[in-house]
PDB file of N, CA and C in Angstrom:
ATOM      1  N   MET A   1     -47.059   6.221  -0.103  1.00  0.00           N
ATOM      2  CA  MET A   1     -46.227   7.354   0.250  1.00  0.00           C
ATOM      3  C   MET A   1     -47.062   8.497   0.831  1.00  0.00           C
ATOM      4  N   LYS A   2     -48.236   8.759   0.217  1.00  0.00           N
ATOM      5  CA  LYS A   2     -49.073   9.848   0.715  1.00  0.00           C
ATOM      6  C   LYS A   2     -49.604   9.541   2.112  1.00  0.00           C
ATOM      7  N   GLU A   3     -49.839   8.283   2.404  1.00  0.00           N
ATOM      8  CA  GLU A   3     -50.327   7.908   3.734  1.00  0.00           C
ATOM      9  C   GLU A   3     -49.260   8.177   4.793  1.00  0.00           C
ATOM     10  N   LYS A   4     -48.008   7.939   4.446  1.00  0.00           N
ATOM     11  CA  LYS A   4     -46.911   8.214   5.378  1.00  0.00           C
ATOM     12  C   LYS A   4     -46.786   9.715   5.650  1.00  0.00           C
ATOM     13  N   ILE A   5     -46.972  10.524   4.615  1.00  0.00           N
ATOM     14  CA  ILE A   5     -46.924  11.976   4.793  1.00  0.00           C
ATOM     15  C   ILE A   5     -48.083  12.438   5.656  1.00  0.00           C
ATOM     16  N   LYS A   6     -49.270  11.865   5.443  1.00  0.00           N
ATOM     17  CA  LYS A   6     -50.436  12.229   6.244  1.00  0.00           C
ATOM     18  C   LYS A   6     -50.226  11.874   7.713  1.00  0.00           C
ATOM     19  N   ASN A   7     -49.551  10.774   7.988  1.00  0.00           N
ATOM     20  CA  ASN A   7     -49.312  10.366   9.371  1.00  0.00           C
ATOM     21  C   ASN A   7     -48.373  11.326  10.097  1.00  0.00           C
ATOM     22  N   TRP A   8     -47.443  11.944   9.381  1.00  0.00           N
ATOM     23  CA  TRP A   8     -46.464  12.824  10.013  1.00  0.00           C
ATOM     24  C   TRP A   8     -46.811  14.295   9.907  1.00  0.00           C
ATOM     25  N   LEU A   9     -47.808  14.640   9.106  1.00  0.00           N
ATOM     26  CA  LEU A   9     -48.121  16.042   8.883  1.00  0.00           C
ATOM     27  C   LEU A   9     -48.634  16.726  10.151  1.00  0.00           C
ATOM     28  N   LYS A  10     -49.563  16.099  10.860  1.00  0.00           N
ATOM     29  CA  LYS A  10     -50.134  16.732  12.048  1.00  0.00           C
ATOM     30  C   LYS A  10     -49.102  16.935  13.151  1.00  0.00           C
ATOM     31  N   PRO A  11     -48.276  15.937  13.515  1.00  0.00           N
ATOM     32  CA  PRO A  11     -47.257  16.197  14.547  1.00  0.00           C
ATOM     33  C   PRO A  11     -46.249  17.271  14.156  1.00  0.00           C
ATOM     34  N   VAL A  12     -45.878  17.321  12.895  1.00  0.00           N
ATOM     35  CA  VAL A  12     -44.919  18.335  12.448  1.00  0.00           C
ATOM     36  C   VAL A  12     -45.542  19.722  12.535  1.00  0.00           C
ATOM     37  N   LEU A  13     -46.799  19.849  12.116  1.00  0.00           N
ATOM     38  CA  LEU A  13     -47.461  21.149  12.183  1.00  0.00           C
ATOM     39  C   LEU A  13     -47.678  21.592  13.623  1.00  0.00           C
ATOM     40  N   PHE A  14     -48.065  20.679  14.504  1.00  0.00           N
ATOM     41  CA  PHE A  14     -48.258  21.034  15.906  1.00  0.00           C
ATOM     42  C   PHE A  14     -46.930  21.422  16.559  1.00  0.00           C
ATOM     43  N   THR A  15     -45.855  20.718  16.215  1.00  0.00           N
ATOM     44  CA  THR A  15     -44.544  21.045  16.775  1.00  0.00           C
ATOM     45  C   THR A  15     -44.079  22.413  16.289  1.00  0.00           C
ATOM     46  N   ALA A  16     -44.239  22.685  15.005  1.00  0.00           N
ATOM     47  CA  ALA A  16     -43.852  23.996  14.472  1.00  0.00           C
ATOM     48  C   ALA A  16     -44.715  25.103  15.075  1.00  0.00           C
ATOM     49  N   GLY A  17     -46.009  24.837  15.224  1.00  0.00           N
ATOM     50  CA  GLY A  17     -46.889  25.818  15.855  1.00  0.00           C
ATOM     51  C   GLY A  17     -46.499  26.081  17.297  1.00  0.00           C
ATOM     52  N   GLY A  18     -46.154  25.017  18.010  1.00  0.00           N
ATOM     53  CA  GLY A  18     -45.713  25.176  19.390  1.00  0.00           C
ATOM     54  C   GLY A  18     -44.427  25.981  19.483  1.00  0.00           C
ATOM     55  N   ALA A  19     -43.513  25.755  18.543  1.00  0.00           N
ATOM     56  CA  ALA A  19     -42.267  26.526  18.539  1.00  0.00           C
ATOM     57  C   ALA A  19     -42.534  28.000  18.258  1.00  0.00           C
ATOM     58  N   LEU A  20     -43.479  28.281  17.371  1.00  0.00           N
ATOM     59  CA  LEU A  20     -43.826  29.680  17.106  1.00  0.00           C
ATOM     60  C   LEU A  20     -44.493  30.319  18.323  1.00  0.00           C
ATOM     61  N   VAL A  21     -45.331  29.573  19.014  1.00  0.00           N
ATOM     62  CA  VAL A  21     -45.931  30.078  20.251  1.00  0.00           C
ATOM     63  C   VAL A  21     -44.837  30.327  21.289  1.00  0.00           C
ATOM     64  N   GLY A  22     -43.853  29.438  21.346  1.00  0.00           N
ATOM     65  CA  GLY A  22     -42.734  29.623  22.263  1.00  0.00           C
ATOM     66  C   GLY A  22     -41.927  30.870  21.945  1.00  0.00           C
ATOM     67  N   LEU A  23     -41.734  31.143  20.654  1.00  0.00           N
ATOM     68  CA  LEU A  23     -41.012  32.359  20.260  1.00  0.00           C
ATOM     69  C   LEU A  23     -41.803  33.606  20.653  1.00  0.00           C
ATOM     70  N   ALA A  24     -43.111  33.573  20.450  1.00  0.00           N
ATOM     71  CA  ALA A  24     -43.945  34.705  20.850  1.00  0.00           C
ATOM     72  C   ALA A  24     -43.937  34.861  22.368  1.00  0.00           C
ATOM     73  N   TYR A  25     -43.960  33.755  23.082  1.00  0.00           N
ATOM     74  CA  TYR A  25     -43.919  33.800  24.543  1.00  0.00           C
ATOM     75  C   TYR A  25     -42.608  34.415  25.018  1.00  0.00           C
ATOM     76  N   TYR A  26     -41.513  34.023  24.386  1.00  0.00           N
ATOM     77  CA  TYR A  26     -40.215  34.608  24.740  1.00  0.00           C
ATOM     78  C   TYR A  26     -40.198  36.102  24.458  1.00  0.00           C
ATOM     79  N   TYR A  27     -40.758  36.487  23.335  1.00  0.00           N
ATOM     80  CA  TYR A  27     -40.725  37.899  22.934  1.00  0.00           C
ATOM     81  C   TYR A  27     -41.558  38.765  23.871  1.00  0.00           C
ATOM     82  N   PHE A  28     -42.745  38.289  24.265  1.00  0.00           N
ATOM     83  CA  PHE A  28     -43.644  39.107  25.066  1.00  0.00           C
ATOM     84  C   PHE A  28     -43.463  38.957  26.575  1.00  0.00           C
ATOM     85  N   VAL A  29     -42.997  37.801  27.056  1.00  0.00           N
ATOM     86  CA  VAL A  29     -42.914  37.542  28.493  1.00  0.00           C
ATOM     87  C   VAL A  29     -41.463  37.465  28.949  1.00  0.00           C
ATOM     88  N   ARG A  30     -40.563  37.820  28.130  1.00  0.00           N
ATOM     89  CA  ARG A  30     -39.125  37.697  28.364  1.00  0.00           C
ATOM     90  C   ARG A  30     -38.709  38.010  29.803  1.00  0.00           C
ATOM     91  N   CYS A  31     -37.718  37.296  30.278  1.00  0.00           N
ATOM     92  CA  CYS A  31     -37.165  37.505  31.619  1.00  0.00           C
ATOM     93  C   CYS A  31     -35.918  38.392  31.473  1.00  0.00           C
ATOM     94  N   PRO A  32     -35.993  39.647  31.863  1.00  0.00           N
ATOM     95  CA  PRO A  32     -34.871  40.559  31.623  1.00  0.00           C
ATOM     96  C   PRO A  32     -33.632  40.253  32.452  1.00  0.00           C
ATOM     97  N   THR A  33     -33.777  39.605  33.594  1.00  0.00           N
ATOM     98  CA  THR A  33     -32.609  39.341  34.433  1.00  0.00           C
ATOM     99  C   THR A  33     -31.854  38.096  34.003  1.00  0.00           C
ATOM    100  N   GLY A  34     -32.493  37.214  33.276  1.00  0.00           N
ATOM    101  CA  GLY A  34     -31.858  35.959  32.879  1.00  0.00           C
ATOM    102  C   GLY A  34     -31.947  34.879  33.932  1.00  0.00           C
ATOM    103  N   ALA A  35     -32.696  35.122  34.995  1.00  0.00           N
ATOM    104  CA  ALA A  35     -32.818  34.152  36.080  1.00  0.00           C
ATOM    105  C   ALA A  35     -33.897  33.111  35.811  1.00  0.00           C
ATOM    106  N   CYS A  36     -34.790  33.389  34.902  1.00  0.00           N
ATOM    107  CA  CYS A  36     -35.872  32.447  34.578  1.00  0.00           C
ATOM    108  C   CYS A  36     -35.346  31.419  33.571  1.00  0.00           C
ATOM    109  N   PRO A  37     -35.314  30.153  33.924  1.00  0.00           N
ATOM    110  CA  PRO A  37     -34.713  29.170  33.021  1.00  0.00           C
ATOM    111  C   PRO A  37     -35.494  28.972  31.722  1.00  0.00           C
ATOM    112  N   LEU A  38     -36.797  29.147  31.755  1.00  0.00           N
ATOM    113  CA  LEU A  38     -37.594  28.900  30.549  1.00  0.00           C
ATOM    114  C   LEU A  38     -37.570  30.087  29.590  1.00  0.00           C
ATOM    115  N   THR A  39     -37.656  31.279  30.097  1.00  0.00           N
ATOM    116  CA  THR A  39     -37.774  32.449  29.219  1.00  0.00           C
ATOM    117  C   THR A  39     -36.478  33.231  29.050  1.00  0.00           C
ATOM    118  N   SER A  40     -35.367  32.731  29.555  1.00  0.00           N
ATOM    119  CA  SER A  40     -34.113  33.465  29.406  1.00  0.00           C
ATOM    120  C   SER A  40     -33.452  33.204  28.059  1.00  0.00           C
ATOM    121  N   ASN A  41     -33.805  32.118  27.394  1.00  0.00           N
ATOM    122  CA  ASN A  41     -33.198  31.746  26.129  1.00  0.00           C
ATOM    123  C   ASN A  41     -34.316  31.401  25.133  1.00  0.00           C
ATOM    124  N   PRO A  42     -34.327  32.016  23.940  1.00  0.00           N
ATOM    125  CA  PRO A  42     -35.416  31.723  23.006  1.00  0.00           C
ATOM    126  C   PRO A  42     -35.411  30.282  22.505  1.00  0.00           C
ATOM    127  N   PHE A  43     -34.246  29.664  22.395  1.00  0.00           N
ATOM    128  CA  PHE A  43     -34.186  28.290  21.896  1.00  0.00           C
ATOM    129  C   PHE A  43     -34.773  27.302  22.901  1.00  0.00           C
ATOM    130  N   ILE A  44     -34.536  27.543  24.170  1.00  0.00           N
ATOM    131  CA  ILE A  44     -35.114  26.678  25.196  1.00  0.00           C
ATOM    132  C   ILE A  44     -36.625  26.826  25.209  1.00  0.00           C
ATOM    133  N   THR A  45     -37.109  28.058  25.108  1.00  0.00           N
ATOM    134  CA  THR A  45     -38.544  28.300  25.102  1.00  0.00           C
ATOM    135  C   THR A  45     -39.199  27.666  23.886  1.00  0.00           C
ATOM    136  N   MET A  46     -38.574  27.800  22.721  1.00  0.00           N
ATOM    137  CA  MET A  46     -39.131  27.218  21.506  1.00  0.00           C
ATOM    138  C   MET A  46     -39.113  25.694  21.563  1.00  0.00           C
ATOM    139  N   ALA A  47     -38.039  25.112  22.093  1.00  0.00           N
ATOM    140  CA  ALA A  47     -37.972  23.652  22.193  1.00  0.00           C
ATOM    141  C   ALA A  47     -39.019  23.118  23.159  1.00  0.00           C
ATOM    142  N   TYR A  48     -39.191  23.802  24.283  1.00  0.00           N
ATOM    143  CA  TYR A  48     -40.172  23.357  25.270  1.00  0.00           C
ATOM    144  C   TYR A  48     -41.588  23.438  24.712  1.00  0.00           C
ATOM    145  N   MET A  49     -41.926  24.561  24.107  1.00  0.00           N
ATOM    146  CA  MET A  49     -43.274  24.715  23.561  1.00  0.00           C
ATOM    147  C   MET A  49     -43.489  23.824  22.337  1.00  0.00           C
ATOM    148  N   GLY A  50     -42.446  23.578  21.568  1.00  0.00           N
ATOM    149  CA  GLY A  50     -42.557  22.634  20.460  1.00  0.00           C
ATOM    150  C   GLY A  50     -42.834  21.229  20.958  1.00  0.00           C
ATOM    151  N   PHE A  51     -42.213  20.855  22.061  1.00  0.00           N
ATOM    152  CA  PHE A  51     -42.471  19.548  22.668  1.00  0.00           C
ATOM    153  C   PHE A  51     -43.911  19.453  23.166  1.00  0.00           C
ATOM    154  N   ILE A  52     -44.401  20.523  23.776  1.00  0.00           N
ATOM    155  CA  ILE A  52     -45.792  20.556  24.230  1.00  0.00           C
ATOM    156  C   ILE A  52     -46.729  20.438  23.019  1.00  0.00           C
ATOM    157  N   GLY A  53     -46.415  21.117  21.931  1.00  0.00           N
ATOM    158  CA  GLY A  53     -47.213  21.006  20.707  1.00  0.00           C
ATOM    159  C   GLY A  53     -47.211  19.596  20.160  1.00  0.00           C
ATOM    160  N   TRP A  54     -46.062  18.941  20.202  1.00  0.00           N
ATOM    161  CA  TRP A  54     -45.979  17.556  19.735  1.00  0.00           C
ATOM    162  C   TRP A  54     -46.845  16.633  20.604  1.00  0.00           C
ATOM    163  N   LEU A  55     -46.818  16.860  21.914  1.00  0.00           N
ATOM    164  CA  LEU A  55     -47.664  16.063  22.798  1.00  0.00           C
ATOM    165  C   LEU A  55     -49.144  16.309  22.516  1.00  0.00           C
ATOM    166  N   LEU A  56     -49.509  17.543  22.256  1.00  0.00           N
ATOM    167  CA  LEU A  56     -50.905  17.858  21.956  1.00  0.00           C
ATOM    168  C   LEU A  56     -51.356  17.252  20.636  1.00  0.00           C
ATOM    169  N   SER A  57     -50.452  17.030  19.714  1.00  0.00           N
ATOM    170  CA  SER A  57     -50.841  16.423  18.439  1.00  0.00           C
ATOM    171  C   SER A  57     -51.333  14.991  18.637  1.00  0.00           C
ATOM    172  N   GLY A  58     -50.855  14.323  19.670  1.00  0.00           N
ATOM    173  CA  GLY A  58     -51.321  12.968  19.948  1.00  0.00           C
ATOM    174  C   GLY A  58     -52.713  12.933  20.554  1.00  0.00           C
ATOM    175  N   ILE A  59     -53.098  14.004  21.231  1.00  0.00           N
ATOM    176  CA  ILE A  59     -54.428  14.065  21.827  1.00  0.00           C
ATOM    177  C   ILE A  59     -55.493  14.177  20.752  1.00  0.00           C
ATOM    178  N   PHE A  60     -55.190  14.906  19.693  1.00  0.00           N
ATOM    179  CA  PHE A  60     -56.158  15.139  18.638  1.00  0.00           C
ATOM    180  C   PHE A  60     -56.026  14.121  17.512  1.00  0.00           C
ATOM    181  N   GLY A  61     -55.686  12.887  17.844  1.00  0.00           N
ATOM    182  CA  GLY A  61     -55.537  11.830  16.854  1.00  0.00           C
ATOM    183  C   GLY A  61     -56.874  11.278  16.398  1.00  0.00           C
ATOM    184  N   LYS A  62     -56.809  10.341  15.480  1.00  0.00           N
ATOM    185  CA  LYS A  62     -58.016   9.719  14.939  1.00  0.00           C
ATOM    186  C   LYS A  62     -58.714   8.847  15.968  1.00  0.00           C
ATOM    187  N   GLY A  63     -57.932   8.220  16.832  1.00  0.00           N
ATOM    188  CA  GLY A  63     -58.519   7.314  17.799  1.00  0.00           C
ATOM    189  C   GLY A  63     -58.887   5.998  17.139  1.00  0.00           C
ATOM    190  N   CYS A  64     -59.791   5.285  17.747  1.00  0.00           N
ATOM    191  CA  CYS A  64     -60.224   3.997  17.220  1.00  0.00           C
ATOM    192  C   CYS A  64     -61.423   4.186  16.310  1.00  0.00           C
ATOM    193  N   SER A  65     -61.438   3.428  15.257  1.00  0.00           N
ATOM    194  CA  SER A  65     -62.571   3.497  14.334  1.00  0.00           C
ATOM    195  C   SER A  65     -63.430   2.245  14.449  1.00  0.00           C
ATOM    196  N   GLY A  66     -63.751   1.882  15.669  1.00  0.00           N
ATOM    197  CA  GLY A  66     -64.628   0.745  15.875  1.00  0.00           C
ATOM    198  C   GLY A  66     -63.918  -0.579  16.074  1.00  0.00           C
ATOM    199  N   SER A  67     -62.592  -0.607  15.952  1.00  0.00           N
ATOM    200  CA  SER A  67     -61.872  -1.872  16.058  1.00  0.00           C
ATOM    201  C   SER A  67     -60.994  -1.942  17.302  1.00  0.00           C
ATOM    202  N   CYS A  68     -61.306  -1.148  18.307  1.00  0.00           N
ATOM    203  CA  CYS A  68     -60.487  -1.116  19.523  1.00  0.00           C
ATOM    204  C   CYS A  68     -61.016  -2.085  20.570  1.00  0.00           C
ATOM    205  N   ASN A  69     -60.084  -2.724  21.248  1.00  0.00           N
ATOM    206  CA  ASN A  69     -60.430  -3.524  22.415  1.00  0.00           C
ATOM    207  C   ASN A  69     -60.053  -2.728  23.652  1.00  0.00           C
ATOM    208  N   THR A  70     -61.018  -2.341  24.426  1.00  0.00           N
ATOM    209  CA  THR A  70     -60.739  -1.539  25.631  1.00  0.00           C
ATOM    210  C   THR A  70     -60.907  -2.379  26.885  1.00  0.00           C
ATOM    211  N   GLN A  71     -60.784  -3.677  26.763  1.00  0.00           N
ATOM    212  CA  GLN A  71     -60.935  -4.550  27.930  1.00  0.00           C
ATOM    213  C   GLN A  71     -59.609  -4.802  28.579  1.00  0.00           C
TER     214      GLN A  71
END
């Protein structure tokens, strides 16, 4: 059970961190006219940045521990 939690902990934390970065981005870079599709709505900004955070969590994975075939 603990191994399953460890496998999901990093993607969840990166996604939550990305959503918080998205909220800060919306707050500081907000589009006052509403014409900017990314920054006109905080939920869209948070979802987009959360997705980027989730993608980044895969980059910082464990990788291969000597048992990979790269051929």
